[in-house]
C-alpha atoms as a PDB file:
ATOM      1  CA  MET A   1     110.514  49.258  88.078  1.00  0.00           C
ATOM      2  CA  ALA A   2     111.675  51.170  85.074  1.00  0.00           C
ATOM      3  CA  GLU A   3     108.613  53.340  85.327  1.00  0.00           C
ATOM      4  CA  LYS A   4     109.541  54.454  88.854  1.00  0.00           C
ATOM      5  CA  LYS A   5     112.973  55.546  87.770  1.00  0.00           C
ATOM      6  CA  ALA A   6     111.497  57.522  84.778  1.00  0.00           C
ATOM      7  CA  ALA A   7     109.038  59.308  87.021  1.00  0.00           C
ATOM      8  CA  ALA A   8     111.726  60.169  89.533  1.00  0.00           C
ATOM      9  CA  LYS A   9     113.894  61.660  86.839  1.00  0.00           C
ATOM     10  CA  GLY A  10     111.041  63.831  85.612  1.00  0.00           C
ATOM     11  CA  LYS A  11     110.680  65.501  89.043  1.00  0.00           C
ATOM     12  CA  THR A  12     112.346  68.815  89.512  1.00  0.00           C
ATOM     13  CA  ALA A  13     113.676  69.944  92.893  1.00  0.00           C
ATOM     14  CA  VAL A  14     112.280  73.191  94.190  1.00  0.00           C
ATOM     15  CA  LYS A  15     114.690  75.198  96.329  1.00  0.00           C
ATOM     16  CA  LYS A  16     112.911  77.161  99.104  1.00  0.00           C
ATOM     17  CA  ALA A  17     113.799  80.835  99.579  1.00  0.00           C
ATOM     18  CA  SER A  18     115.713  81.572 102.675  1.00  0.00           C
ATOM     19  CA  THR A  19     113.973  83.918 105.060  1.00  0.00           C
ATOM     20  CA  LYS A  20     117.055  84.425 107.114  1.00  0.00           C
ATOM     21  CA  SER A  21     118.989  87.461 105.840  1.00  0.00           C
ATOM     22  CA  THR A  22     122.684  87.562 105.920  1.00  0.00           C
ATOM     23  CA  PRO A  23     124.563  90.716 106.427  1.00  0.00           C
ATOM     24  CA  THR A  24     126.524  92.097 103.681  1.00  0.00           C
ATOM     25  CA  ARG A  25     129.868  93.875 103.758  1.00  0.00           C
ATOM     26  CA  LYS A  26     128.758  97.373 103.049  1.00  0.00           C
ATOM     27  CA  THR A  27     131.184  99.011 105.515  1.00  0.00           C
ATOM     28  CA  ALA A  28     134.615 100.151 104.563  1.00  0.00           C
ATOM     29  CA  ALA A  29     137.408  97.795 105.720  1.00  0.00           C
ATOM     30  CA  LYS A  30     138.951 100.060 108.260  1.00  0.00           C
ATOM     31  CA  LYS A  31     139.764  99.514 111.898  1.00  0.00           C
ATOM     32  CA  MET A  32     137.457 100.836 114.532  1.00  0.00           C
ATOM     33  CA  ALA A  33     138.747 103.463 116.931  1.00  0.00           C
ATOM     34  CA  LYS A  34     137.792 104.320 120.540  1.00  0.00           C
ATOM     35  CA  GLY A  35     135.138 107.032 120.425  1.00  0.00           C
ATOM     36  CA  GLN A  36     133.962 106.322 116.951  1.00  0.00           C
ATOM     37  CA  SER A  37     130.206 106.247 116.374  1.00  0.00           C
ATOM     38  CA  TYR A  38     128.090 103.848 114.170  1.00  0.00           C
ATOM     39  CA  ALA A  39     124.444 104.418 113.265  1.00  0.00           C
ATOM     40  CA  CYS A  40     121.768 101.975 111.954  1.00  0.00           C
ATOM     41  CA  ASP A  41     120.179 103.110 108.746  1.00  0.00           C
ATOM     42  CA  VAL A  42     117.072 101.225 109.581  1.00  0.00           C
ATOM     43  CA  CYS A  43     116.077 102.181 113.102  1.00  0.00           C
ATOM     44  CA  GLY A  44     118.488 105.029 113.840  1.00  0.00           C
ATOM     45  CA  LEU A  45     120.198 103.439 116.876  1.00  0.00           C
ATOM     46  CA  VAL A  46     123.732 104.999 117.475  1.00  0.00           C
ATOM     47  CA  VAL A  47     126.562 103.119 119.077  1.00  0.00           C
ATOM     48  CA  THR A  48     129.855 104.604 120.311  1.00  0.00           C
ATOM     49  CA  VAL A  49     133.014 102.397 120.482  1.00  0.00           C
ATOM     50  CA  ASP A  50     134.296 102.284 124.102  1.00  0.00           C
ATOM     51  CA  GLU A  51     136.806  99.407 123.705  1.00  0.00           C
ATOM     52  CA  VAL A  52     138.466  98.097 120.434  1.00  0.00           C
ATOM     53  CA  CYS A  53     138.316  94.320 120.218  1.00  0.00           C
ATOM     54  CA  GLY A  54     141.764  93.756 118.572  1.00  0.00           C
ATOM     55  CA  CYS A  55     140.637  91.112 115.937  1.00  0.00           C
ATOM     56  CA  VAL A  56     142.792  90.495 113.004  1.00  0.00           C
ATOM     57  CA  GLY A  57     139.838  90.813 110.431  1.00  0.00           C
ATOM     58  CA  VAL A  58     137.125  93.498 110.112  1.00  0.00           C
ATOM     59  CA  CYS A  59     134.230  93.237 112.688  1.00  0.00           C
ATOM     60  CA  ASP A  60     130.813  94.534 111.734  1.00  0.00           C
ATOM     61  CA  ILE A  61     128.357  95.868 114.344  1.00  0.00           C
ATOM     62  CA  VAL A  62     125.002  94.516 113.083  1.00  0.00           C
ATOM     63  CA  CYS A  63     121.554  96.108 113.933  1.00  0.00           C
ATOM     64  CA  CYS A  64     118.264  95.202 112.263  1.00  0.00           C
ATOM     65  CA  GLY A  65     120.102  92.585 110.138  1.00  0.00           C
ATOM     66  CA  GLU A  66     122.349  95.078 108.405  1.00  0.00           C
ATOM     67  CA  PRO A  67     125.875  96.266 109.236  1.00  0.00           C
ATOM     68  CA  MET A  68     125.998  99.694 110.973  1.00  0.00           C
ATOM     69  CA  GLN A  69     127.525 102.576 109.117  1.00  0.00           C
ATOM     70  CA  ALA A  70     130.142 104.899 110.567  1.00  0.00           C
ATOM     71  CA  ALA A  71     128.594 108.201 111.537  1.00  0.00           C
END
């Protein structure tokens, strides 16, 4: 039985790399305004704000897995 414990201790855990990307906070921490435009650096999609959400924190508009930048 002591041999099993020794073998178990010798094993190392291998952590799998995550394939899911998490958005990073690249945008400036400022409030959105009606009429403001945001563009995706990856695909070029442009979004215009029609209605501001009113959240307490900063909200990111995410496209292609990345936060959109103010245009």
